[in-house]
N, C-alpha and C. Protein backbone atom coordinates (compact mmCIF):
# COMPACT_ATOMS: atom_id res chain seq x y z
N UNK A 1 -16.93 -31.13 41.15
CA UNK A 1 -17.39 -29.86 40.57
C UNK A 1 -17.51 -30.01 39.06
N UNK A 2 -18.56 -29.41 38.52
CA UNK A 2 -18.84 -29.49 37.09
C UNK A 2 -18.83 -28.07 36.52
N UNK A 3 -17.87 -27.79 35.63
CA UNK A 3 -17.69 -26.47 35.03
C UNK A 3 -17.92 -26.57 33.54
N UNK A 4 -18.71 -25.63 32.99
CA UNK A 4 -18.91 -25.60 31.55
C UNK A 4 -18.52 -24.23 31.00
N UNK A 5 -18.18 -24.21 29.71
CA UNK A 5 -17.88 -22.97 29.00
C UNK A 5 -18.84 -22.85 27.83
N UNK A 6 -19.38 -21.65 27.66
CA UNK A 6 -20.32 -21.38 26.58
C UNK A 6 -19.93 -20.10 25.86
N UNK A 7 -20.48 -19.92 24.66
CA UNK A 7 -20.22 -18.71 23.91
C UNK A 7 -20.41 -18.93 22.42
N UNK A 8 -20.46 -17.84 21.67
CA UNK A 8 -20.62 -17.92 20.22
C UNK A 8 -19.33 -18.45 19.59
N UNK A 9 -19.39 -18.67 18.29
CA UNK A 9 -18.20 -19.12 17.55
C UNK A 9 -17.10 -18.07 17.70
N UNK A 10 -15.88 -18.54 17.94
CA UNK A 10 -14.74 -17.63 18.04
C UNK A 10 -14.60 -16.93 19.37
N UNK A 11 -15.35 -17.37 20.38
CA UNK A 11 -15.28 -16.70 21.68
C UNK A 11 -14.08 -17.16 22.51
N UNK A 12 -13.43 -18.24 22.11
CA UNK A 12 -12.21 -18.67 22.78
C UNK A 12 -12.39 -19.75 23.84
N UNK A 13 -13.52 -20.43 23.82
CA UNK A 13 -13.78 -21.47 24.83
C UNK A 13 -12.71 -22.56 24.82
N UNK A 14 -12.44 -23.08 23.64
CA UNK A 14 -11.49 -24.20 23.55
C UNK A 14 -10.09 -23.80 23.99
N UNK A 15 -9.75 -22.53 23.82
CA UNK A 15 -8.45 -22.03 24.26
C UNK A 15 -8.38 -21.98 25.78
N UNK A 16 -9.48 -21.60 26.42
CA UNK A 16 -9.48 -21.39 27.87
C UNK A 16 -9.63 -22.69 28.67
N UNK A 17 -10.22 -23.72 28.09
CA UNK A 17 -10.44 -24.97 28.83
C UNK A 17 -9.16 -25.52 29.46
N UNK A 18 -8.08 -25.70 28.69
CA UNK A 18 -6.85 -26.23 29.32
C UNK A 18 -6.25 -25.30 30.36
N UNK A 19 -6.43 -23.99 30.20
CA UNK A 19 -5.94 -23.04 31.21
C UNK A 19 -6.68 -23.26 32.54
N UNK A 20 -7.99 -23.48 32.46
CA UNK A 20 -8.79 -23.72 33.67
C UNK A 20 -8.31 -24.99 34.35
N UNK A 21 -8.11 -26.03 33.56
CA UNK A 21 -7.66 -27.31 34.14
C UNK A 21 -6.32 -27.15 34.84
N UNK A 22 -5.38 -26.48 34.20
CA UNK A 22 -4.06 -26.31 34.81
C UNK A 22 -4.16 -25.47 36.08
N UNK A 23 -4.99 -24.44 36.05
CA UNK A 23 -5.15 -23.58 37.23
C UNK A 23 -5.68 -24.39 38.41
N UNK A 24 -6.71 -25.18 38.17
CA UNK A 24 -7.31 -25.96 39.26
C UNK A 24 -6.39 -27.07 39.74
N UNK A 25 -5.67 -27.68 38.81
CA UNK A 25 -4.76 -28.77 39.19
C UNK A 25 -3.65 -28.26 40.10
N UNK A 26 -3.28 -26.99 39.96
CA UNK A 26 -2.27 -26.43 40.86
C UNK A 26 -2.77 -26.38 42.30
N UNK A 27 -4.06 -26.39 42.47
CA UNK A 27 -4.65 -26.36 43.81
C UNK A 27 -5.14 -27.75 44.25
N UNK A 28 -4.72 -28.78 43.53
CA UNK A 28 -5.01 -30.14 43.96
C UNK A 28 -6.24 -30.79 43.37
N UNK A 29 -6.92 -30.11 42.45
CA UNK A 29 -8.09 -30.71 41.83
C UNK A 29 -7.66 -31.73 40.76
N UNK A 30 -8.41 -32.81 40.66
CA UNK A 30 -8.21 -33.78 39.58
C UNK A 30 -9.23 -33.48 38.51
N UNK A 31 -8.77 -33.08 37.32
CA UNK A 31 -9.67 -32.56 36.30
C UNK A 31 -9.82 -33.49 35.10
N UNK A 32 -11.02 -33.55 34.57
CA UNK A 32 -11.31 -34.22 33.31
C UNK A 32 -11.82 -33.17 32.34
N UNK A 33 -11.17 -33.06 31.19
CA UNK A 33 -11.57 -32.10 30.15
C UNK A 33 -12.34 -32.85 29.07
N UNK A 34 -13.49 -32.31 28.68
CA UNK A 34 -14.30 -32.95 27.65
C UNK A 34 -15.06 -31.89 26.86
N UNK A 35 -15.90 -32.32 25.92
CA UNK A 35 -16.61 -31.34 25.08
C UNK A 35 -17.88 -31.95 24.51
N UNK A 36 -18.75 -31.05 24.04
CA UNK A 36 -19.94 -31.44 23.29
C UNK A 36 -20.04 -30.58 22.04
N UNK A 37 -20.42 -31.20 20.92
CA UNK A 37 -20.54 -32.64 20.74
C UNK A 37 -19.17 -33.27 20.56
N UNK A 38 -19.11 -34.59 20.76
CA UNK A 38 -17.88 -35.32 20.46
C UNK A 38 -17.07 -35.78 21.63
N UNK A 39 -17.67 -35.85 22.83
CA UNK A 39 -16.92 -36.27 24.01
C UNK A 39 -16.83 -37.77 24.20
N UNK A 40 -17.41 -38.54 23.28
CA UNK A 40 -17.33 -40.00 23.31
C UNK A 40 -17.04 -40.50 21.90
N UNK A 41 -16.78 -41.79 21.77
CA UNK A 41 -16.53 -42.36 20.43
C UNK A 41 -17.77 -42.21 19.55
N UNK A 42 -18.93 -42.49 20.12
CA UNK A 42 -20.18 -42.31 19.37
C UNK A 42 -20.38 -40.83 19.06
N UNK A 43 -20.08 -39.98 20.06
CA UNK A 43 -20.26 -38.55 19.89
C UNK A 43 -19.40 -37.96 18.78
N UNK A 44 -18.23 -38.51 18.56
CA UNK A 44 -17.36 -38.01 17.48
C UNK A 44 -18.02 -38.21 16.12
N UNK A 45 -18.74 -39.32 15.97
CA UNK A 45 -19.45 -39.56 14.71
C UNK A 45 -20.63 -38.61 14.55
N UNK A 46 -21.32 -38.34 15.65
CA UNK A 46 -22.42 -37.37 15.62
C UNK A 46 -21.89 -35.97 15.32
N UNK A 47 -20.76 -35.62 15.94
CA UNK A 47 -20.14 -34.31 15.71
C UNK A 47 -19.82 -34.11 14.23
N UNK A 48 -19.32 -35.15 13.58
CA UNK A 48 -18.96 -35.05 12.17
C UNK A 48 -20.18 -34.68 11.32
N UNK A 49 -21.35 -35.21 11.68
CA UNK A 49 -22.57 -34.87 10.95
C UNK A 49 -22.99 -33.44 11.25
N UNK A 50 -22.99 -33.08 12.53
CA UNK A 50 -23.51 -31.78 12.95
C UNK A 50 -22.70 -30.61 12.44
N UNK A 51 -21.38 -30.74 12.37
CA UNK A 51 -20.53 -29.60 12.04
C UNK A 51 -20.07 -29.57 10.58
N UNK A 52 -20.44 -30.59 9.81
CA UNK A 52 -20.06 -30.65 8.41
C UNK A 52 -20.82 -29.59 7.61
N UNK A 53 -20.12 -28.64 6.98
CA UNK A 53 -20.82 -27.61 6.21
C UNK A 53 -21.61 -28.17 5.04
N UNK A 54 -21.32 -29.38 4.65
CA UNK A 54 -22.09 -30.03 3.60
C UNK A 54 -23.50 -30.41 4.03
N UNK A 55 -23.75 -30.34 5.34
CA UNK A 55 -25.07 -30.66 5.87
C UNK A 55 -25.86 -29.40 6.21
N UNK A 56 -25.69 -28.37 5.42
CA UNK A 56 -26.36 -27.09 5.69
C UNK A 56 -27.88 -27.23 5.71
N UNK A 57 -28.41 -28.21 5.01
CA UNK A 57 -29.85 -28.39 4.95
C UNK A 57 -30.42 -29.26 6.06
N UNK A 58 -29.64 -29.55 7.08
CA UNK A 58 -30.11 -30.40 8.18
C UNK A 58 -31.32 -29.78 8.85
N UNK A 59 -32.39 -30.55 8.99
CA UNK A 59 -33.60 -30.07 9.63
C UNK A 59 -33.33 -29.68 11.09
N UNK A 60 -33.96 -28.61 11.56
CA UNK A 60 -33.71 -28.12 12.92
C UNK A 60 -34.03 -29.16 13.98
N UNK A 61 -35.12 -29.93 13.80
CA UNK A 61 -35.46 -30.95 14.78
C UNK A 61 -34.48 -32.11 14.72
N UNK A 62 -34.02 -32.46 13.51
CA UNK A 62 -33.01 -33.51 13.39
C UNK A 62 -31.73 -33.07 14.09
N UNK A 63 -31.36 -31.80 13.91
CA UNK A 63 -30.19 -31.24 14.57
C UNK A 63 -30.33 -31.35 16.08
N UNK A 64 -31.50 -30.96 16.60
CA UNK A 64 -31.75 -31.03 18.04
C UNK A 64 -31.55 -32.44 18.57
N UNK A 65 -32.15 -33.42 17.91
CA UNK A 65 -32.08 -34.79 18.43
C UNK A 65 -30.68 -35.39 18.31
N UNK A 66 -29.92 -34.95 17.32
CA UNK A 66 -28.53 -35.40 17.23
C UNK A 66 -27.73 -34.86 18.42
N UNK A 67 -27.93 -33.59 18.74
CA UNK A 67 -27.24 -33.03 19.91
C UNK A 67 -27.65 -33.74 21.20
N UNK A 68 -28.93 -34.06 21.32
CA UNK A 68 -29.39 -34.70 22.54
C UNK A 68 -28.91 -36.15 22.63
N UNK A 69 -28.79 -36.80 21.49
CA UNK A 69 -28.24 -38.16 21.49
C UNK A 69 -26.78 -38.14 21.94
N UNK A 70 -26.04 -37.17 21.42
CA UNK A 70 -24.66 -37.00 21.86
C UNK A 70 -24.59 -36.76 23.36
N UNK A 71 -25.50 -35.93 23.87
CA UNK A 71 -25.50 -35.58 25.30
C UNK A 71 -25.85 -36.78 26.18
N UNK A 72 -26.80 -37.58 25.74
CA UNK A 72 -27.18 -38.76 26.52
C UNK A 72 -25.99 -39.70 26.69
N UNK A 73 -25.28 -39.95 25.61
CA UNK A 73 -24.10 -40.82 25.66
C UNK A 73 -23.00 -40.20 26.51
N UNK A 74 -22.79 -38.91 26.33
CA UNK A 74 -21.73 -38.19 27.02
C UNK A 74 -21.97 -38.14 28.53
N UNK A 75 -23.20 -37.80 28.91
CA UNK A 75 -23.52 -37.71 30.34
C UNK A 75 -23.41 -39.07 31.01
N UNK A 76 -23.92 -40.09 30.33
CA UNK A 76 -23.93 -41.41 30.94
C UNK A 76 -22.58 -42.09 30.99
N UNK A 77 -21.76 -41.88 29.98
CA UNK A 77 -20.50 -42.61 29.88
C UNK A 77 -19.28 -41.82 30.34
N UNK A 78 -19.38 -40.50 30.40
CA UNK A 78 -18.20 -39.69 30.72
C UNK A 78 -18.43 -38.80 31.95
N UNK A 79 -19.44 -37.93 31.88
CA UNK A 79 -19.58 -36.90 32.91
C UNK A 79 -19.96 -37.49 34.26
N UNK A 80 -21.05 -38.25 34.32
CA UNK A 80 -21.48 -38.81 35.61
C UNK A 80 -20.41 -39.69 36.26
N UNK A 81 -19.80 -40.62 35.51
CA UNK A 81 -18.76 -41.45 36.14
C UNK A 81 -17.60 -40.62 36.69
N UNK A 82 -17.21 -39.56 35.97
CA UNK A 82 -16.10 -38.72 36.44
C UNK A 82 -16.50 -37.98 37.72
N UNK A 83 -17.70 -37.43 37.77
CA UNK A 83 -18.15 -36.72 38.96
C UNK A 83 -18.28 -37.68 40.15
N UNK A 84 -18.76 -38.89 39.88
CA UNK A 84 -18.87 -39.88 40.96
C UNK A 84 -17.49 -40.27 41.49
N UNK A 85 -16.47 -40.17 40.63
CA UNK A 85 -15.10 -40.47 41.05
C UNK A 85 -14.42 -39.25 41.67
N UNK A 86 -15.22 -38.20 41.96
CA UNK A 86 -14.75 -36.97 42.62
C UNK A 86 -13.80 -36.15 41.75
N UNK A 87 -13.93 -36.27 40.43
CA UNK A 87 -13.14 -35.44 39.54
C UNK A 87 -13.89 -34.14 39.24
N UNK A 88 -13.15 -33.12 38.89
CA UNK A 88 -13.73 -31.88 38.40
C UNK A 88 -13.83 -31.99 36.89
N UNK A 89 -15.03 -31.88 36.38
CA UNK A 89 -15.27 -32.00 34.94
C UNK A 89 -15.35 -30.60 34.33
N UNK A 90 -14.56 -30.37 33.28
CA UNK A 90 -14.56 -29.09 32.56
C UNK A 90 -15.00 -29.38 31.13
N UNK A 91 -16.17 -28.85 30.75
CA UNK A 91 -16.77 -29.22 29.47
C UNK A 91 -16.94 -28.01 28.56
N UNK A 92 -16.43 -28.13 27.35
CA UNK A 92 -16.57 -27.12 26.30
C UNK A 92 -17.94 -27.33 25.64
N UNK A 93 -18.92 -26.53 26.05
CA UNK A 93 -20.33 -26.58 25.65
C UNK A 93 -21.07 -27.68 26.40
N UNK A 94 -22.34 -27.35 26.71
CA UNK A 94 -23.22 -28.33 27.35
C UNK A 94 -24.66 -27.96 27.01
N UNK A 95 -25.59 -28.23 27.91
CA UNK A 95 -27.02 -28.08 27.60
C UNK A 95 -27.41 -26.65 27.25
N UNK A 96 -26.74 -25.65 27.81
CA UNK A 96 -27.08 -24.26 27.48
C UNK A 96 -26.93 -24.00 25.98
N UNK A 97 -25.96 -24.64 25.35
CA UNK A 97 -25.77 -24.45 23.91
C UNK A 97 -27.01 -24.84 23.13
N UNK A 98 -27.65 -25.94 23.54
CA UNK A 98 -28.83 -26.41 22.82
C UNK A 98 -30.01 -25.48 23.04
N UNK A 99 -30.18 -25.00 24.26
CA UNK A 99 -31.25 -24.05 24.55
C UNK A 99 -31.10 -22.81 23.67
N UNK A 100 -29.87 -22.37 23.48
CA UNK A 100 -29.62 -21.13 22.74
C UNK A 100 -29.58 -21.35 21.23
N UNK A 101 -28.81 -22.30 20.77
CA UNK A 101 -28.67 -22.50 19.32
C UNK A 101 -29.94 -23.06 18.69
N UNK A 102 -30.48 -24.12 19.27
CA UNK A 102 -31.68 -24.71 18.68
C UNK A 102 -32.96 -24.03 19.15
N UNK A 103 -32.92 -23.38 20.32
CA UNK A 103 -34.08 -22.67 20.83
C UNK A 103 -34.12 -21.23 20.36
N UNK A 104 -33.28 -20.38 20.95
CA UNK A 104 -33.30 -18.95 20.64
C UNK A 104 -33.02 -18.66 19.16
N UNK A 105 -32.08 -19.40 18.56
CA UNK A 105 -31.68 -19.10 17.19
C UNK A 105 -32.49 -19.87 16.14
N UNK A 106 -32.75 -21.15 16.38
CA UNK A 106 -33.50 -21.95 15.40
C UNK A 106 -35.01 -21.82 15.57
N UNK A 107 -35.45 -21.43 16.77
CA UNK A 107 -36.88 -21.22 16.98
C UNK A 107 -37.65 -22.41 17.52
N UNK A 108 -36.95 -23.47 17.92
CA UNK A 108 -37.63 -24.61 18.55
C UNK A 108 -38.03 -24.21 19.97
N UNK A 109 -39.18 -24.70 20.41
CA UNK A 109 -39.68 -24.36 21.74
C UNK A 109 -38.64 -24.68 22.82
N UNK A 110 -38.29 -23.66 23.61
CA UNK A 110 -37.33 -23.87 24.69
C UNK A 110 -37.90 -24.86 25.70
N UNK A 111 -39.22 -24.85 25.89
CA UNK A 111 -39.84 -25.80 26.80
C UNK A 111 -39.60 -27.24 26.38
N UNK A 112 -39.68 -27.50 25.09
CA UNK A 112 -39.41 -28.85 24.57
C UNK A 112 -37.96 -29.23 24.82
N UNK A 113 -37.05 -28.31 24.52
CA UNK A 113 -35.63 -28.58 24.71
C UNK A 113 -35.32 -28.85 26.18
N UNK A 114 -35.85 -28.04 27.06
CA UNK A 114 -35.59 -28.22 28.49
C UNK A 114 -36.16 -29.54 29.00
N UNK A 115 -37.31 -29.94 28.46
CA UNK A 115 -37.89 -31.22 28.89
C UNK A 115 -37.02 -32.40 28.44
N UNK A 116 -36.51 -32.34 27.21
CA UNK A 116 -35.62 -33.40 26.74
C UNK A 116 -34.35 -33.44 27.59
N UNK A 117 -33.80 -32.26 27.88
CA UNK A 117 -32.61 -32.22 28.73
C UNK A 117 -32.88 -32.81 30.10
N UNK A 118 -34.06 -32.54 30.65
CA UNK A 118 -34.41 -33.13 31.97
C UNK A 118 -34.48 -34.64 31.88
N UNK A 119 -35.03 -35.16 30.79
CA UNK A 119 -35.12 -36.61 30.61
C UNK A 119 -33.74 -37.23 30.57
N UNK A 120 -32.82 -36.56 29.91
CA UNK A 120 -31.47 -37.10 29.74
C UNK A 120 -30.61 -36.89 30.99
N UNK A 121 -30.71 -35.71 31.58
CA UNK A 121 -29.75 -35.30 32.61
C UNK A 121 -30.26 -35.45 34.04
N UNK A 122 -31.57 -35.48 34.23
CA UNK A 122 -32.09 -35.51 35.59
C UNK A 122 -31.64 -34.28 36.34
N UNK A 123 -30.96 -34.48 37.46
CA UNK A 123 -30.50 -33.34 38.26
C UNK A 123 -29.07 -32.91 37.93
N UNK A 124 -28.50 -33.45 36.87
CA UNK A 124 -27.13 -33.09 36.48
C UNK A 124 -27.12 -31.69 35.88
N UNK A 125 -26.39 -30.78 36.51
CA UNK A 125 -26.31 -29.40 36.05
C UNK A 125 -24.96 -28.83 36.44
N UNK A 126 -24.39 -27.95 35.61
CA UNK A 126 -23.10 -27.36 35.97
C UNK A 126 -23.17 -26.58 37.27
N UNK A 127 -22.08 -26.61 38.02
CA UNK A 127 -21.97 -25.79 39.22
C UNK A 127 -21.66 -24.35 38.84
N UNK A 128 -20.88 -24.19 37.80
CA UNK A 128 -20.54 -22.85 37.30
C UNK A 128 -20.36 -22.91 35.79
N UNK A 129 -20.87 -21.90 35.12
CA UNK A 129 -20.74 -21.79 33.66
C UNK A 129 -20.10 -20.45 33.33
N UNK A 130 -19.03 -20.49 32.55
CA UNK A 130 -18.40 -19.27 32.08
C UNK A 130 -18.94 -18.97 30.68
N UNK A 131 -19.63 -17.85 30.56
CA UNK A 131 -20.13 -17.41 29.27
C UNK A 131 -19.14 -16.39 28.71
N UNK A 132 -18.42 -16.79 27.67
CA UNK A 132 -17.44 -15.91 27.04
C UNK A 132 -18.18 -15.07 26.00
N UNK A 133 -18.40 -13.82 26.34
CA UNK A 133 -19.28 -12.96 25.55
C UNK A 133 -18.49 -11.94 24.72
N UNK A 134 -18.88 -11.80 23.47
CA UNK A 134 -18.30 -10.79 22.59
C UNK A 134 -19.22 -10.59 21.39
N UNK A 135 -19.09 -9.47 20.66
CA UNK A 135 -19.93 -9.26 19.49
C UNK A 135 -19.68 -10.34 18.42
N UNK A 136 -20.73 -10.77 17.73
CA UNK A 136 -20.57 -11.81 16.71
C UNK A 136 -19.56 -11.46 15.63
N UNK A 137 -19.49 -10.18 15.25
CA UNK A 137 -18.55 -9.79 14.20
C UNK A 137 -17.11 -10.12 14.59
N UNK A 138 -16.79 -9.88 15.86
CA UNK A 138 -15.43 -10.17 16.34
C UNK A 138 -15.22 -11.68 16.42
N UNK A 139 -16.18 -12.39 16.97
CA UNK A 139 -16.05 -13.83 17.12
C UNK A 139 -15.90 -14.54 15.79
N UNK A 140 -16.74 -14.18 14.83
CA UNK A 140 -16.68 -14.83 13.52
C UNK A 140 -15.39 -14.50 12.79
N UNK A 141 -14.91 -13.26 12.93
CA UNK A 141 -13.63 -12.89 12.32
C UNK A 141 -12.51 -13.75 12.88
N UNK A 142 -12.50 -13.94 14.19
CA UNK A 142 -11.49 -14.80 14.80
C UNK A 142 -11.62 -16.23 14.31
N UNK A 143 -12.86 -16.73 14.28
CA UNK A 143 -13.08 -18.12 13.88
C UNK A 143 -12.60 -18.38 12.46
N UNK A 144 -12.91 -17.46 11.55
CA UNK A 144 -12.50 -17.67 10.16
C UNK A 144 -10.99 -17.54 9.98
N UNK A 145 -10.35 -16.68 10.77
CA UNK A 145 -8.88 -16.61 10.72
C UNK A 145 -8.27 -17.94 11.14
N UNK A 146 -8.86 -18.55 12.17
CA UNK A 146 -8.35 -19.83 12.65
C UNK A 146 -8.59 -20.94 11.62
N UNK A 147 -9.74 -20.90 10.96
CA UNK A 147 -10.04 -21.90 9.94
C UNK A 147 -9.08 -21.75 8.76
N UNK A 148 -8.88 -20.53 8.33
CA UNK A 148 -8.02 -20.28 7.17
C UNK A 148 -6.55 -20.57 7.46
N UNK A 149 -6.16 -20.46 8.73
CA UNK A 149 -4.76 -20.74 9.10
C UNK A 149 -4.54 -22.21 9.45
N UNK A 150 -5.62 -22.99 9.47
CA UNK A 150 -5.51 -24.41 9.78
C UNK A 150 -5.61 -24.75 11.26
N UNK A 151 -5.84 -23.73 12.11
CA UNK A 151 -5.97 -23.99 13.55
C UNK A 151 -7.32 -24.62 13.88
N UNK A 152 -8.30 -24.41 13.00
CA UNK A 152 -9.61 -25.04 13.14
C UNK A 152 -9.94 -25.74 11.84
N UNK A 153 -10.78 -26.77 11.94
CA UNK A 153 -11.07 -27.59 10.76
C UNK A 153 -12.10 -26.95 9.84
N UNK A 154 -11.76 -26.89 8.56
CA UNK A 154 -12.70 -26.40 7.56
C UNK A 154 -13.95 -27.29 7.54
N UNK A 155 -13.73 -28.58 7.80
CA UNK A 155 -14.84 -29.55 7.78
C UNK A 155 -15.77 -29.44 8.97
N UNK A 156 -15.50 -28.51 9.90
CA UNK A 156 -16.38 -28.31 11.06
C UNK A 156 -16.87 -26.86 11.11
N UNK A 157 -17.19 -26.30 9.95
CA UNK A 157 -17.51 -24.87 9.88
C UNK A 157 -18.98 -24.59 9.54
N UNK A 158 -19.87 -25.56 9.81
CA UNK A 158 -21.27 -25.35 9.43
C UNK A 158 -21.89 -24.15 10.12
N UNK A 159 -21.58 -23.97 11.41
CA UNK A 159 -22.19 -22.85 12.13
C UNK A 159 -21.52 -21.52 11.79
N UNK A 160 -20.24 -21.55 11.50
CA UNK A 160 -19.56 -20.32 11.09
C UNK A 160 -20.17 -19.77 9.79
N UNK A 161 -20.77 -20.64 9.00
CA UNK A 161 -21.33 -20.21 7.73
C UNK A 161 -22.75 -19.68 7.84
N UNK A 162 -23.31 -19.71 9.05
CA UNK A 162 -24.63 -19.12 9.26
C UNK A 162 -24.54 -17.59 9.11
N UNK A 163 -25.66 -16.95 8.81
CA UNK A 163 -25.70 -15.50 8.67
C UNK A 163 -25.49 -14.83 10.03
N UNK A 164 -25.07 -13.56 9.97
CA UNK A 164 -24.75 -12.84 11.20
C UNK A 164 -25.97 -12.74 12.12
N UNK A 165 -27.17 -12.66 11.56
CA UNK A 165 -28.38 -12.57 12.39
C UNK A 165 -28.52 -13.79 13.28
N UNK A 166 -28.16 -14.95 12.76
CA UNK A 166 -28.22 -16.18 13.55
C UNK A 166 -27.33 -16.04 14.78
N UNK A 167 -26.12 -15.57 14.58
CA UNK A 167 -25.17 -15.45 15.69
C UNK A 167 -25.58 -14.36 16.68
N UNK A 168 -26.25 -13.33 16.19
CA UNK A 168 -26.78 -12.31 17.10
C UNK A 168 -27.85 -12.91 18.01
N UNK A 169 -28.70 -13.77 17.44
CA UNK A 169 -29.73 -14.44 18.24
C UNK A 169 -29.09 -15.35 19.28
N UNK A 170 -28.01 -16.04 18.89
CA UNK A 170 -27.30 -16.91 19.83
C UNK A 170 -26.76 -16.08 20.98
N UNK A 171 -26.10 -14.98 20.67
CA UNK A 171 -25.54 -14.14 21.73
C UNK A 171 -26.62 -13.64 22.68
N UNK A 172 -27.71 -13.12 22.13
CA UNK A 172 -28.78 -12.62 22.98
C UNK A 172 -29.42 -13.73 23.80
N UNK A 173 -29.50 -14.92 23.22
CA UNK A 173 -30.02 -16.06 23.98
C UNK A 173 -29.15 -16.39 25.18
N UNK A 174 -27.85 -16.34 24.99
CA UNK A 174 -26.92 -16.59 26.10
C UNK A 174 -27.06 -15.51 27.18
N UNK A 175 -27.12 -14.26 26.77
CA UNK A 175 -27.22 -13.18 27.76
C UNK A 175 -28.53 -13.26 28.54
N UNK A 176 -29.59 -13.73 27.88
CA UNK A 176 -30.87 -13.91 28.57
C UNK A 176 -30.75 -15.02 29.62
N UNK A 177 -30.06 -16.09 29.27
CA UNK A 177 -29.83 -17.16 30.25
C UNK A 177 -29.02 -16.66 31.43
N UNK A 178 -28.02 -15.83 31.16
CA UNK A 178 -27.18 -15.30 32.24
C UNK A 178 -28.00 -14.43 33.19
N UNK A 179 -28.94 -13.68 32.65
CA UNK A 179 -29.81 -12.87 33.49
C UNK A 179 -30.72 -13.74 34.34
N UNK A 180 -31.13 -14.87 33.77
CA UNK A 180 -32.03 -15.79 34.46
C UNK A 180 -31.32 -16.55 35.57
N UNK A 181 -30.03 -16.88 35.35
CA UNK A 181 -29.27 -17.67 36.33
C UNK A 181 -27.94 -17.00 36.66
N UNK A 182 -27.96 -15.84 37.28
CA UNK A 182 -26.70 -15.13 37.56
C UNK A 182 -25.80 -15.84 38.57
N UNK A 183 -26.38 -16.70 39.40
CA UNK A 183 -25.56 -17.42 40.37
C UNK A 183 -24.69 -18.47 39.73
N UNK A 184 -25.15 -19.05 38.63
CA UNK A 184 -24.38 -20.11 37.94
C UNK A 184 -23.57 -19.57 36.78
N UNK A 185 -24.15 -18.67 36.00
CA UNK A 185 -23.51 -18.22 34.76
C UNK A 185 -22.75 -16.93 35.01
N UNK A 186 -21.44 -16.97 34.82
CA UNK A 186 -20.58 -15.81 34.99
C UNK A 186 -20.20 -15.29 33.60
N UNK A 187 -20.59 -14.08 33.31
CA UNK A 187 -20.30 -13.49 31.99
C UNK A 187 -18.89 -12.91 32.00
N UNK A 188 -18.09 -13.38 31.05
CA UNK A 188 -16.70 -12.94 30.91
C UNK A 188 -16.56 -12.17 29.59
N UNK A 189 -16.00 -10.97 29.65
CA UNK A 189 -15.76 -10.20 28.43
C UNK A 189 -14.65 -10.89 27.62
N UNK A 190 -15.04 -11.46 26.49
CA UNK A 190 -14.08 -12.21 25.67
C UNK A 190 -13.55 -11.41 24.50
N UNK A 191 -13.81 -10.10 24.49
CA UNK A 191 -13.35 -9.28 23.37
C UNK A 191 -11.88 -8.88 23.49
N UNK A 192 -11.31 -9.07 24.69
CA UNK A 192 -9.91 -8.71 24.91
C UNK A 192 -8.96 -9.83 24.54
N UNK A 193 -7.76 -9.75 25.08
CA UNK A 193 -6.74 -10.76 24.77
C UNK A 193 -7.02 -12.07 25.50
N UNK A 194 -6.38 -13.14 25.03
CA UNK A 194 -6.51 -14.43 25.70
C UNK A 194 -6.05 -14.34 27.15
N UNK A 195 -5.00 -13.55 27.38
CA UNK A 195 -4.47 -13.39 28.74
C UNK A 195 -5.49 -12.70 29.65
N UNK A 196 -6.16 -11.69 29.12
CA UNK A 196 -7.17 -10.98 29.92
C UNK A 196 -8.33 -11.90 30.27
N UNK A 197 -8.76 -12.70 29.31
CA UNK A 197 -9.86 -13.63 29.54
C UNK A 197 -9.45 -14.68 30.58
N UNK A 198 -8.25 -15.20 30.43
CA UNK A 198 -7.73 -16.19 31.37
C UNK A 198 -7.71 -15.62 32.80
N UNK A 199 -7.24 -14.39 32.94
CA UNK A 199 -7.17 -13.77 34.27
C UNK A 199 -8.56 -13.57 34.87
N UNK A 200 -9.52 -13.18 34.04
CA UNK A 200 -10.88 -12.96 34.52
C UNK A 200 -11.52 -14.26 34.99
N UNK A 201 -11.28 -15.34 34.26
CA UNK A 201 -11.83 -16.64 34.65
C UNK A 201 -11.18 -17.13 35.94
N UNK A 202 -9.87 -16.99 36.03
CA UNK A 202 -9.17 -17.44 37.24
C UNK A 202 -9.61 -16.65 38.47
N UNK A 203 -9.90 -15.38 38.30
CA UNK A 203 -10.38 -14.57 39.42
C UNK A 203 -11.73 -15.10 39.91
N UNK A 204 -12.58 -15.52 38.98
CA UNK A 204 -13.87 -16.10 39.36
C UNK A 204 -13.67 -17.45 40.05
N UNK A 205 -12.77 -18.26 39.55
CA UNK A 205 -12.50 -19.57 40.16
C UNK A 205 -11.99 -19.41 41.58
N UNK A 206 -11.15 -18.41 41.79
CA UNK A 206 -10.55 -18.21 43.11
C UNK A 206 -11.56 -17.73 44.14
N UNK A 207 -12.72 -17.29 43.67
CA UNK A 207 -13.76 -16.86 44.60
C UNK A 207 -14.76 -17.96 44.92
N UNK A 208 -14.60 -19.13 44.31
CA UNK A 208 -15.54 -20.22 44.55
C UNK A 208 -15.46 -20.70 46.00
N UNK A 209 -16.61 -21.04 46.60
CA UNK A 209 -16.59 -21.59 47.97
C UNK A 209 -15.76 -22.86 48.03
N UNK A 210 -14.90 -22.96 49.00
CA UNK A 210 -14.09 -24.16 49.18
C UNK A 210 -12.84 -24.20 48.33
N UNK A 211 -12.61 -23.13 47.53
CA UNK A 211 -11.39 -23.10 46.72
C UNK A 211 -10.19 -23.03 47.64
N UNK A 212 -9.23 -23.89 47.37
CA UNK A 212 -8.07 -24.00 48.28
C UNK A 212 -7.09 -22.86 48.04
């Protein structure tokens, strides 16, 4: 099984990933936790470029191809081998992020992005995606509190420094995807407490076909 988490900055994806793994492992699943960008050694170097606030002038197409390069390495070296070994892969961000951030928000043709993703991924697609949804004002406030307290890296704050309109476009792009694929994408209200979000995700997991 392949599970992904998506959402705007500060939506709590990284917090929920280990909770999902622990929940599934209690039912006998063998889980691999990973992320994009940065799920491989090469990907960590790409991530450093992409999230560095000093690279605010990065061209949108250059940004797109860096994300896709990270994804090609990640899918080939981490995700596919784990799925072939019958592991459950839980990934913090995946292809939906690129469709939304570089497509809906940056304005690159979604058709181009989807075609590149098809070239890289073939038929590889998440079985279920949790979209942690909340207003950008709340998400960004949380993200900056974490950065200022040292829980998140100041050196990875390029997207947090985007204007609020950018994040509104990201949110609307995600909600449009959820409307398009309601069977795969489960929208979770992320405006509440971490405990509430955790419970909502676990309730969805417990309804999956074949869940023990």
